[in-house]
Amino acid sequence: MRFRERLCVELGAVRPRWDAWCARRGVTVGEGVRQLIAVAVNAEADDRPVEIESGLTRPIVGESRSRIEIRLTAAEKMVVEQRAAASGLHSNRWIVALIRAQLTGEPQLGARELLLLSASNQQLAVISRSLGQLARGGGAGFTCQELADFEGIREKIDAHLRAVTGVVRANLDRWSR
């Protein structure tokens, strides 16, 4: 007996671009999703990067989403569920993250990654403040060059903190409903 599983994914404003992406490749929207899933699963198995297209604008919080239906074999669905669980996501969210990562070239972080990134940022902020104090003269015995180096490192850390905060904010906005 043939057994099919179905997953429904809300795409929101991404849907017209997804339709266009599939049309350019001559595949249906369901075939496109299956191909993306296969590429991601194969890339992970081979430990090689996946080539990614970009060009989408950031979604607006509260923006309506469109539903799309995909059909997977039972084996494909099982692998999707395993990968999703390993990422701390439900299978629908994992598929949406997979599609968005493929379309935008941006990381799609789960709750665990967001918590780890937040903790890392807090530690970097403490280091940055300490370097700032040293650079402002709190580091007696340091040369002017060393103090300038501290300030340069602090500026790089601050730029990194802003970039990571932007990634976290974009991910939270992306997943909000």
N, C-alpha and C. Protein backbone atom coordinates (compact mmCIF):
# COMPACT_ATOMS: atom_id res chain seq x y z
N MET A 1 0.84 -1.18 0.00
CA MET A 1 0.00 0.00 0.00
C MET A 1 0.89 1.25 0.00
N ARG A 2 0.52 2.21 -0.81
CA ARG A 2 1.27 3.46 -0.90
C ARG A 2 0.79 4.42 0.18
N PHE A 3 1.72 5.02 0.90
CA PHE A 3 1.38 5.91 2.01
C PHE A 3 2.00 7.27 1.78
N ARG A 4 1.20 8.31 1.79
CA ARG A 4 1.69 9.68 1.58
C ARG A 4 1.45 10.50 2.84
N GLU A 5 2.36 11.39 3.11
CA GLU A 5 2.21 12.34 4.22
C GLU A 5 2.14 13.74 3.65
N ARG A 6 1.47 14.62 4.34
CA ARG A 6 1.29 15.99 3.88
C ARG A 6 1.74 16.95 4.98
N LEU A 7 2.45 18.00 4.58
CA LEU A 7 2.83 19.07 5.48
C LEU A 7 2.33 20.38 4.89
N CYS A 8 1.76 21.23 5.70
CA CYS A 8 1.32 22.55 5.24
C CYS A 8 2.24 23.59 5.85
N VAL A 9 2.69 24.53 5.04
CA VAL A 9 3.64 25.54 5.48
C VAL A 9 3.11 26.91 5.13
N GLU A 10 3.10 27.83 6.10
CA GLU A 10 2.68 29.20 5.84
C GLU A 10 3.89 29.99 5.34
N LEU A 11 3.76 30.63 4.19
CA LEU A 11 4.88 31.36 3.60
C LEU A 11 4.73 32.87 3.65
N GLY A 12 3.54 33.37 3.90
CA GLY A 12 3.34 34.82 3.97
C GLY A 12 3.70 35.50 2.68
N ALA A 13 4.38 36.62 2.80
CA ALA A 13 4.74 37.43 1.63
C ALA A 13 5.76 36.74 0.74
N VAL A 14 6.35 35.67 1.22
CA VAL A 14 7.34 34.93 0.44
C VAL A 14 6.67 34.14 -0.68
N ARG A 15 5.36 33.86 -0.55
CA ARG A 15 4.67 32.98 -1.49
C ARG A 15 4.82 33.42 -2.95
N PRO A 16 4.58 34.68 -3.33
CA PRO A 16 4.73 35.04 -4.75
C PRO A 16 6.16 34.81 -5.25
N ARG A 17 7.13 35.10 -4.43
CA ARG A 17 8.51 34.88 -4.84
C ARG A 17 8.82 33.39 -4.93
N TRP A 18 8.23 32.62 -4.02
CA TRP A 18 8.41 31.17 -4.08
C TRP A 18 7.80 30.62 -5.37
N ASP A 19 6.60 31.08 -5.70
CA ASP A 19 5.96 30.66 -6.95
C ASP A 19 6.84 31.00 -8.15
N ALA A 20 7.40 32.21 -8.15
CA ALA A 20 8.26 32.64 -9.26
C ALA A 20 9.54 31.80 -9.30
N TRP A 21 10.10 31.51 -8.14
CA TRP A 21 11.31 30.69 -8.06
C TRP A 21 11.05 29.33 -8.69
N CYS A 22 9.92 28.73 -8.33
CA CYS A 22 9.56 27.41 -8.87
C CYS A 22 9.29 27.50 -10.37
N ALA A 23 8.59 28.55 -10.80
CA ALA A 23 8.27 28.71 -12.22
C ALA A 23 9.54 28.84 -13.05
N ARG A 24 10.52 29.59 -12.55
CA ARG A 24 11.78 29.74 -13.28
C ARG A 24 12.49 28.41 -13.46
N ARG A 25 12.27 27.49 -12.54
CA ARG A 25 12.92 26.19 -12.61
C ARG A 25 12.02 25.12 -13.23
N GLY A 26 10.79 25.50 -13.56
CA GLY A 26 9.87 24.57 -14.21
C GLY A 26 9.38 23.45 -13.31
N VAL A 27 9.23 23.76 -12.02
CA VAL A 27 8.72 22.76 -11.08
C VAL A 27 7.49 23.32 -10.37
N THR A 28 6.68 22.42 -9.84
CA THR A 28 5.55 22.87 -9.03
C THR A 28 6.09 23.33 -7.68
N VAL A 29 5.24 24.03 -6.91
CA VAL A 29 5.70 24.51 -5.61
C VAL A 29 6.05 23.34 -4.69
N GLY A 30 5.28 22.26 -4.76
CA GLY A 30 5.58 21.08 -3.94
C GLY A 30 6.88 20.43 -4.34
N GLU A 31 7.11 20.31 -5.67
CA GLU A 31 8.37 19.74 -6.15
C GLU A 31 9.55 20.61 -5.71
N GLY A 32 9.36 21.91 -5.74
CA GLY A 32 10.41 22.82 -5.31
C GLY A 32 10.78 22.61 -3.86
N VAL A 33 9.77 22.47 -3.00
CA VAL A 33 10.03 22.23 -1.58
C VAL A 33 10.75 20.90 -1.40
N ARG A 34 10.27 19.86 -2.09
CA ARG A 34 10.94 18.56 -1.98
C ARG A 34 12.40 18.65 -2.43
N GLN A 35 12.65 19.40 -3.51
CA GLN A 35 14.02 19.55 -3.98
C GLN A 35 14.89 20.28 -2.95
N LEU A 36 14.34 21.34 -2.34
CA LEU A 36 15.10 22.05 -1.31
C LEU A 36 15.41 21.14 -0.13
N ILE A 37 14.41 20.37 0.28
CA ILE A 37 14.62 19.45 1.40
C ILE A 37 15.69 18.42 1.03
N ALA A 38 15.60 17.88 -0.18
CA ALA A 38 16.59 16.89 -0.61
C ALA A 38 17.99 17.49 -0.65
N VAL A 39 18.12 18.71 -1.16
CA VAL A 39 19.43 19.36 -1.22
C VAL A 39 19.98 19.57 0.19
N ALA A 40 19.13 20.04 1.10
CA ALA A 40 19.58 20.28 2.47
C ALA A 40 19.98 18.97 3.16
N VAL A 41 19.17 17.95 3.00
CA VAL A 41 19.46 16.65 3.62
C VAL A 41 20.75 16.07 3.04
N ASN A 42 20.89 16.14 1.71
CA ASN A 42 22.10 15.62 1.07
C ASN A 42 23.33 16.44 1.45
N ALA A 43 23.19 17.76 1.51
CA ALA A 43 24.33 18.61 1.86
C ALA A 43 24.79 18.30 3.28
N GLU A 44 23.83 18.11 4.17
CA GLU A 44 24.20 17.79 5.54
C GLU A 44 24.89 16.43 5.61
N ALA A 45 24.39 15.47 4.84
CA ALA A 45 24.98 14.13 4.84
C ALA A 45 26.40 14.17 4.27
N ASP A 46 26.61 14.99 3.24
CA ASP A 46 27.93 15.11 2.61
C ASP A 46 28.80 16.16 3.28
N ASP A 47 28.23 16.90 4.23
CA ASP A 47 28.92 17.99 4.93
C ASP A 47 29.50 19.00 3.94
N ARG A 48 28.68 19.41 2.98
CA ARG A 48 29.10 20.42 2.02
C ARG A 48 28.09 21.56 2.04
N PRO A 49 28.53 22.77 1.74
CA PRO A 49 27.62 23.91 1.77
C PRO A 49 26.59 23.85 0.65
N VAL A 50 25.45 24.47 0.91
CA VAL A 50 24.38 24.55 -0.08
C VAL A 50 24.45 25.92 -0.72
N GLU A 51 24.37 25.99 -2.05
CA GLU A 51 24.38 27.27 -2.73
C GLU A 51 23.03 27.95 -2.49
N ILE A 52 23.08 29.25 -2.15
CA ILE A 52 21.88 29.96 -1.72
C ILE A 52 21.65 31.19 -2.56
N GLU A 53 20.39 31.44 -2.93
CA GLU A 53 20.01 32.68 -3.61
C GLU A 53 19.51 33.67 -2.57
N SER A 54 19.62 34.95 -2.86
CA SER A 54 19.10 35.94 -1.93
C SER A 54 18.27 36.96 -2.69
N GLY A 55 17.75 37.95 -1.99
CA GLY A 55 17.01 39.01 -2.65
C GLY A 55 15.66 39.29 -2.04
N LEU A 56 15.26 38.58 -1.01
CA LEU A 56 13.96 38.84 -0.39
C LEU A 56 14.08 39.95 0.64
N THR A 57 13.00 40.70 0.79
CA THR A 57 12.96 41.71 1.84
C THR A 57 12.56 41.04 3.15
N ARG A 58 12.85 41.69 4.24
CA ARG A 58 12.49 41.14 5.54
C ARG A 58 10.97 41.15 5.69
N PRO A 59 10.42 40.08 6.29
CA PRO A 59 8.97 40.06 6.50
C PRO A 59 8.57 41.07 7.56
N ILE A 60 7.37 41.55 7.46
CA ILE A 60 6.82 42.50 8.42
C ILE A 60 6.12 41.71 9.51
N VAL A 61 6.35 42.11 10.77
CA VAL A 61 5.71 41.43 11.88
C VAL A 61 4.20 41.54 11.71
N GLY A 62 3.51 40.42 11.85
CA GLY A 62 2.06 40.40 11.73
C GLY A 62 1.57 40.26 10.29
N GLU A 63 2.49 40.23 9.34
CA GLU A 63 2.12 40.09 7.94
C GLU A 63 1.44 38.73 7.74
N SER A 64 0.38 38.70 6.93
CA SER A 64 -0.33 37.44 6.72
C SER A 64 0.55 36.47 5.94
N ARG A 65 0.31 35.21 6.17
CA ARG A 65 1.08 34.15 5.51
C ARG A 65 0.14 33.34 4.62
N SER A 66 0.71 32.77 3.58
CA SER A 66 -0.05 31.89 2.70
C SER A 66 0.33 30.46 3.00
N ARG A 67 -0.62 29.57 2.81
CA ARG A 67 -0.36 28.16 3.04
C ARG A 67 0.07 27.51 1.73
N ILE A 68 0.92 26.53 1.86
CA ILE A 68 1.35 25.74 0.72
C ILE A 68 1.32 24.28 1.15
N GLU A 69 0.94 23.43 0.25
CA GLU A 69 0.88 22.01 0.57
C GLU A 69 2.01 21.30 -0.15
N ILE A 70 2.67 20.42 0.58
CA ILE A 70 3.70 19.59 -0.05
C ILE A 70 3.39 18.14 0.28
N ARG A 71 3.83 17.28 -0.56
CA ARG A 71 3.63 15.84 -0.35
C ARG A 71 5.00 15.18 -0.28
N LEU A 72 5.20 14.43 0.80
CA LEU A 72 6.46 13.73 1.01
C LEU A 72 6.19 12.24 1.14
N THR A 73 7.18 11.45 0.82
CA THR A 73 7.06 10.03 1.11
C THR A 73 7.16 9.86 2.62
N ALA A 74 6.77 8.70 3.10
CA ALA A 74 6.85 8.45 4.54
C ALA A 74 8.30 8.55 5.01
N ALA A 75 9.23 8.06 4.21
CA ALA A 75 10.65 8.13 4.59
C ALA A 75 11.12 9.57 4.63
N GLU A 76 10.72 10.39 3.65
CA GLU A 76 11.10 11.80 3.64
C GLU A 76 10.54 12.52 4.85
N LYS A 77 9.28 12.24 5.15
CA LYS A 77 8.64 12.89 6.30
C LYS A 77 9.34 12.51 7.60
N MET A 78 9.72 11.25 7.72
CA MET A 78 10.42 10.80 8.92
C MET A 78 11.76 11.54 9.08
N VAL A 79 12.50 11.67 7.99
CA VAL A 79 13.78 12.38 8.05
C VAL A 79 13.56 13.85 8.39
N VAL A 80 12.54 14.47 7.79
CA VAL A 80 12.22 15.87 8.09
C VAL A 80 11.92 16.02 9.58
N GLU A 81 11.11 15.12 10.12
CA GLU A 81 10.76 15.20 11.54
C GLU A 81 11.99 15.02 12.42
N GLN A 82 12.89 14.12 12.04
CA GLN A 82 14.12 13.91 12.81
C GLN A 82 15.01 15.15 12.77
N ARG A 83 15.18 15.71 11.59
CA ARG A 83 16.01 16.91 11.45
C ARG A 83 15.38 18.08 12.21
N ALA A 84 14.06 18.20 12.12
CA ALA A 84 13.38 19.29 12.81
C ALA A 84 13.55 19.15 14.32
N ALA A 85 13.35 17.94 14.83
CA ALA A 85 13.49 17.71 16.27
C ALA A 85 14.92 18.01 16.72
N ALA A 86 15.90 17.63 15.91
CA ALA A 86 17.30 17.90 16.27
C ALA A 86 17.57 19.40 16.32
N SER A 87 16.81 20.18 15.56
CA SER A 87 16.97 21.64 15.56
C SER A 87 16.07 22.32 16.57
N GLY A 88 15.25 21.53 17.28
CA GLY A 88 14.33 22.11 18.25
C GLY A 88 13.12 22.76 17.61
N LEU A 89 12.75 22.31 16.42
CA LEU A 89 11.62 22.89 15.69
C LEU A 89 10.61 21.80 15.35
N HIS A 90 9.38 22.22 15.07
CA HIS A 90 8.40 21.31 14.49
C HIS A 90 8.70 21.20 13.00
N SER A 91 8.22 20.14 12.38
CA SER A 91 8.57 19.91 10.98
C SER A 91 8.14 21.05 10.07
N ASN A 92 6.96 21.63 10.28
CA ASN A 92 6.54 22.76 9.43
C ASN A 92 7.49 23.94 9.58
N ARG A 93 7.85 24.25 10.81
CA ARG A 93 8.77 25.38 11.02
C ARG A 93 10.15 25.09 10.43
N TRP A 94 10.59 23.84 10.51
CA TRP A 94 11.88 23.47 9.95
C TRP A 94 11.86 23.65 8.43
N ILE A 95 10.76 23.26 7.79
CA ILE A 95 10.65 23.42 6.34
C ILE A 95 10.63 24.90 5.97
N VAL A 96 9.88 25.70 6.73
CA VAL A 96 9.87 27.15 6.47
C VAL A 96 11.28 27.72 6.62
N ALA A 97 11.97 27.31 7.69
CA ALA A 97 13.34 27.79 7.90
C ALA A 97 14.25 27.36 6.75
N LEU A 98 14.07 26.15 6.29
CA LEU A 98 14.86 25.65 5.17
C LEU A 98 14.63 26.49 3.92
N ILE A 99 13.37 26.76 3.63
CA ILE A 99 13.04 27.56 2.44
C ILE A 99 13.58 28.97 2.60
N ARG A 100 13.36 29.58 3.76
CA ARG A 100 13.83 30.95 3.96
C ARG A 100 15.34 31.05 3.90
N ALA A 101 16.03 30.08 4.47
CA ALA A 101 17.49 30.09 4.39
C ALA A 101 17.94 29.98 2.94
N GLN A 102 17.25 29.15 2.18
CA GLN A 102 17.59 28.97 0.77
C GLN A 102 17.32 30.24 -0.03
N LEU A 103 16.22 30.92 0.27
CA LEU A 103 15.84 32.11 -0.50
C LEU A 103 16.58 33.37 -0.07
N THR A 104 16.88 33.49 1.21
CA THR A 104 17.47 34.74 1.71
C THR A 104 18.97 34.66 1.95
N GLY A 105 19.49 33.46 2.13
CA GLY A 105 20.90 33.33 2.46
C GLY A 105 21.22 33.73 3.89
N GLU A 106 20.20 33.87 4.72
CA GLU A 106 20.39 34.28 6.11
C GLU A 106 20.15 33.09 7.03
N PRO A 107 20.82 33.08 8.19
CA PRO A 107 20.61 31.97 9.12
C PRO A 107 19.20 31.98 9.68
N GLN A 108 18.67 30.81 9.91
CA GLN A 108 17.35 30.65 10.52
C GLN A 108 17.58 29.97 11.86
N LEU A 109 17.53 30.72 12.92
CA LEU A 109 17.90 30.21 14.23
C LEU A 109 16.70 29.67 14.98
N GLY A 110 16.92 28.55 15.66
CA GLY A 110 15.91 27.99 16.54
C GLY A 110 16.06 28.60 17.93
N ALA A 111 15.20 28.17 18.85
CA ALA A 111 15.21 28.73 20.20
C ALA A 111 16.56 28.49 20.88
N ARG A 112 17.13 27.29 20.71
CA ARG A 112 18.41 26.96 21.34
C ARG A 112 19.52 27.88 20.83
N GLU A 113 19.58 28.07 19.52
CA GLU A 113 20.61 28.92 18.94
C GLU A 113 20.47 30.36 19.42
N LEU A 114 19.21 30.83 19.51
CA LEU A 114 18.98 32.20 19.97
C LEU A 114 19.45 32.38 21.41
N LEU A 115 19.19 31.38 22.26
CA LEU A 115 19.64 31.46 23.66
C LEU A 115 21.16 31.46 23.75
N LEU A 116 21.81 30.58 22.99
CA LEU A 116 23.27 30.52 23.01
C LEU A 116 23.88 31.81 22.48
N LEU A 117 23.30 32.35 21.42
CA LEU A 117 23.80 33.59 20.84
C LEU A 117 23.62 34.75 21.81
N SER A 118 22.50 34.76 22.50
CA SER A 118 22.23 35.81 23.48
C SER A 118 23.24 35.74 24.63
N ALA A 119 23.51 34.53 25.13
CA ALA A 119 24.48 34.37 26.21
C ALA A 119 25.87 34.79 25.76
N SER A 120 26.24 34.43 24.54
CA SER A 120 27.54 34.83 24.00
C SER A 120 27.64 36.34 23.89
N ASN A 121 26.57 36.97 23.42
CA ASN A 121 26.57 38.43 23.29
C ASN A 121 26.72 39.11 24.65
N GLN A 122 26.07 38.57 25.67
CA GLN A 122 26.20 39.15 27.01
C GLN A 122 27.64 39.08 27.49
N GLN A 123 28.31 37.96 27.25
CA GLN A 123 29.71 37.82 27.66
C GLN A 123 30.60 38.78 26.87
N LEU A 124 30.35 38.91 25.58
CA LEU A 124 31.13 39.85 24.77
C LEU A 124 30.91 41.29 25.23
N ALA A 125 29.69 41.62 25.64
CA ALA A 125 29.41 42.97 26.11
C ALA A 125 30.22 43.29 27.37
N VAL A 126 30.36 42.31 28.26
CA VAL A 126 31.17 42.50 29.47
C VAL A 126 32.63 42.74 29.08
N ILE A 127 33.13 41.94 28.16
CA ILE A 127 34.52 42.11 27.69
C ILE A 127 34.70 43.49 27.05
N SER A 128 33.73 43.90 26.25
CA SER A 128 33.80 45.20 25.58
C SER A 128 33.85 46.35 26.59
N ARG A 129 33.02 46.25 27.63
CA ARG A 129 33.03 47.30 28.66
C ARG A 129 34.39 47.35 29.37
N SER A 130 34.95 46.19 29.67
CA SER A 130 36.27 46.14 30.33
C SER A 130 37.35 46.75 29.44
N LEU A 131 37.32 46.43 28.16
CA LEU A 131 38.28 47.02 27.23
C LEU A 131 38.10 48.53 27.14
N GLY A 132 36.86 48.98 27.17
CA GLY A 132 36.59 50.42 27.14
C GLY A 132 37.18 51.13 28.34
N GLN A 133 37.06 50.50 29.51
CA GLN A 133 37.64 51.09 30.72
C GLN A 133 39.16 51.16 30.62
N LEU A 134 39.77 50.10 30.09
CA LEU A 134 41.22 50.11 29.90
C LEU A 134 41.64 51.19 28.92
N ALA A 135 40.90 51.31 27.83
CA ALA A 135 41.25 52.29 26.79
C ALA A 135 41.09 53.72 27.27
N ARG A 136 40.17 53.94 28.21
CA ARG A 136 39.95 55.30 28.72
C ARG A 136 40.95 55.67 29.82
N GLY A 137 41.95 54.84 30.02
CA GLY A 137 43.00 55.22 30.97
C GLY A 137 42.97 54.44 32.26
N GLY A 138 42.08 53.50 32.39
CA GLY A 138 42.04 52.71 33.61
C GLY A 138 43.16 51.68 33.65
N GLY A 139 43.90 51.53 32.57
CA GLY A 139 44.97 50.54 32.50
C GLY A 139 46.32 51.18 32.68
N ALA A 140 46.67 51.53 33.90
CA ALA A 140 47.97 52.15 34.17
C ALA A 140 49.07 51.19 33.76
N GLY A 141 50.12 51.74 33.17
CA GLY A 141 51.25 50.92 32.77
C GLY A 141 51.17 50.46 31.32
N PHE A 142 50.08 50.78 30.63
CA PHE A 142 49.97 50.42 29.22
C PHE A 142 50.45 51.57 28.36
N THR A 143 51.03 51.23 27.23
CA THR A 143 51.48 52.27 26.29
C THR A 143 50.28 52.82 25.54
N CYS A 144 50.48 53.96 24.91
CA CYS A 144 49.41 54.57 24.10
C CYS A 144 48.96 53.61 23.00
N GLN A 145 49.92 52.90 22.41
CA GLN A 145 49.58 51.96 21.33
C GLN A 145 48.71 50.82 21.87
N GLU A 146 49.06 50.31 23.05
CA GLU A 146 48.27 49.23 23.64
C GLU A 146 46.86 49.70 23.96
N LEU A 147 46.74 50.92 24.48
CA LEU A 147 45.42 51.47 24.77
C LEU A 147 44.62 51.65 23.49
N ALA A 148 45.29 52.09 22.42
CA ALA A 148 44.61 52.24 21.13
C ALA A 148 44.17 50.87 20.60
N ASP A 149 45.00 49.86 20.82
CA ASP A 149 44.64 48.50 20.40
C ASP A 149 43.39 48.03 21.16
N PHE A 150 43.34 48.32 22.48
CA PHE A 150 42.17 47.96 23.27
C PHE A 150 40.91 48.60 22.69
N GLU A 151 41.03 49.88 22.34
CA GLU A 151 39.88 50.61 21.80
C GLU A 151 39.46 50.01 20.45
N GLY A 152 40.44 49.65 19.62
CA GLY A 152 40.13 49.03 18.33
C GLY A 152 39.42 47.70 18.49
N ILE A 153 39.89 46.89 19.42
CA ILE A 153 39.25 45.60 19.68
C ILE A 153 37.83 45.82 20.19
N ARG A 154 37.68 46.79 21.09
CA ARG A 154 36.36 47.11 21.64
C ARG A 154 35.40 47.52 20.54
N GLU A 155 35.86 48.34 19.60
CA GLU A 155 35.01 48.78 18.50
C GLU A 155 34.58 47.60 17.62
N LYS A 156 35.51 46.67 17.40
CA LYS A 156 35.16 45.48 16.61
C LYS A 156 34.13 44.61 17.33
N ILE A 157 34.31 44.46 18.64
CA ILE A 157 33.34 43.69 19.42
C ILE A 157 31.98 44.37 19.38
N ASP A 158 31.95 45.69 19.55
CA ASP A 158 30.68 46.42 19.49
C ASP A 158 30.00 46.25 18.14
N ALA A 159 30.77 46.29 17.05
CA ALA A 159 30.19 46.09 15.72
C ALA A 159 29.62 44.67 15.60
N HIS A 160 30.35 43.71 16.15
CA HIS A 160 29.87 42.33 16.13
C HIS A 160 28.58 42.20 16.94
N LEU A 161 28.55 42.83 18.11
CA LEU A 161 27.35 42.78 18.95
C LEU A 161 26.14 43.35 18.21
N ARG A 162 26.34 44.47 17.51
CA ARG A 162 25.23 45.06 16.74
C ARG A 162 24.77 44.12 15.62
N ALA A 163 25.72 43.49 14.95
CA ALA A 163 25.37 42.56 13.86
C ALA A 163 24.60 41.36 14.39
N VAL A 164 25.06 40.79 15.49
CA VAL A 164 24.39 39.63 16.06
C VAL A 164 23.01 40.02 16.58
N THR A 165 22.90 41.19 17.18
CA THR A 165 21.59 41.66 17.64
C THR A 165 20.64 41.79 16.46
N GLY A 166 21.13 42.26 15.33
CA GLY A 166 20.31 42.35 14.13
C GLY A 166 19.84 40.99 13.64
N VAL A 167 20.72 40.00 13.69
CA VAL A 167 20.35 38.64 13.28
C VAL A 167 19.28 38.08 14.21
N VAL A 168 19.49 38.26 15.51
CA VAL A 168 18.51 37.76 16.49
C VAL A 168 17.17 38.45 16.28
N ARG A 169 17.18 39.77 16.13
CA ARG A 169 15.94 40.52 15.93
C ARG A 169 15.23 40.06 14.65
N ALA A 170 15.98 39.88 13.58
CA ALA A 170 15.39 39.43 12.31
C ALA A 170 14.77 38.05 12.47
N ASN A 171 15.44 37.16 13.20
CA ASN A 171 14.89 35.83 13.41
C ASN A 171 13.63 35.88 14.25
N LEU A 172 13.62 36.70 15.29
CA LEU A 172 12.42 36.81 16.11
C LEU A 172 11.27 37.39 15.30
N ASP A 173 11.55 38.42 14.50
CA ASP A 173 10.51 39.00 13.64
C ASP A 173 10.00 37.98 12.63
N ARG A 174 10.90 37.21 12.08
CA ARG A 174 10.55 36.24 11.05
C ARG A 174 9.60 35.19 11.60
N TRP A 175 9.81 34.77 12.84
CA TRP A 175 9.00 33.70 13.40
C TRP A 175 7.74 34.21 14.10
N SER A 176 7.63 35.51 14.31
CA SER A 176 6.44 36.01 15.00
C SER A 176 5.23 35.89 14.10
N ARG A 177 4.10 35.68 14.70
CA ARG A 177 2.86 35.52 13.92
C ARG A 177 1.89 36.61 14.26
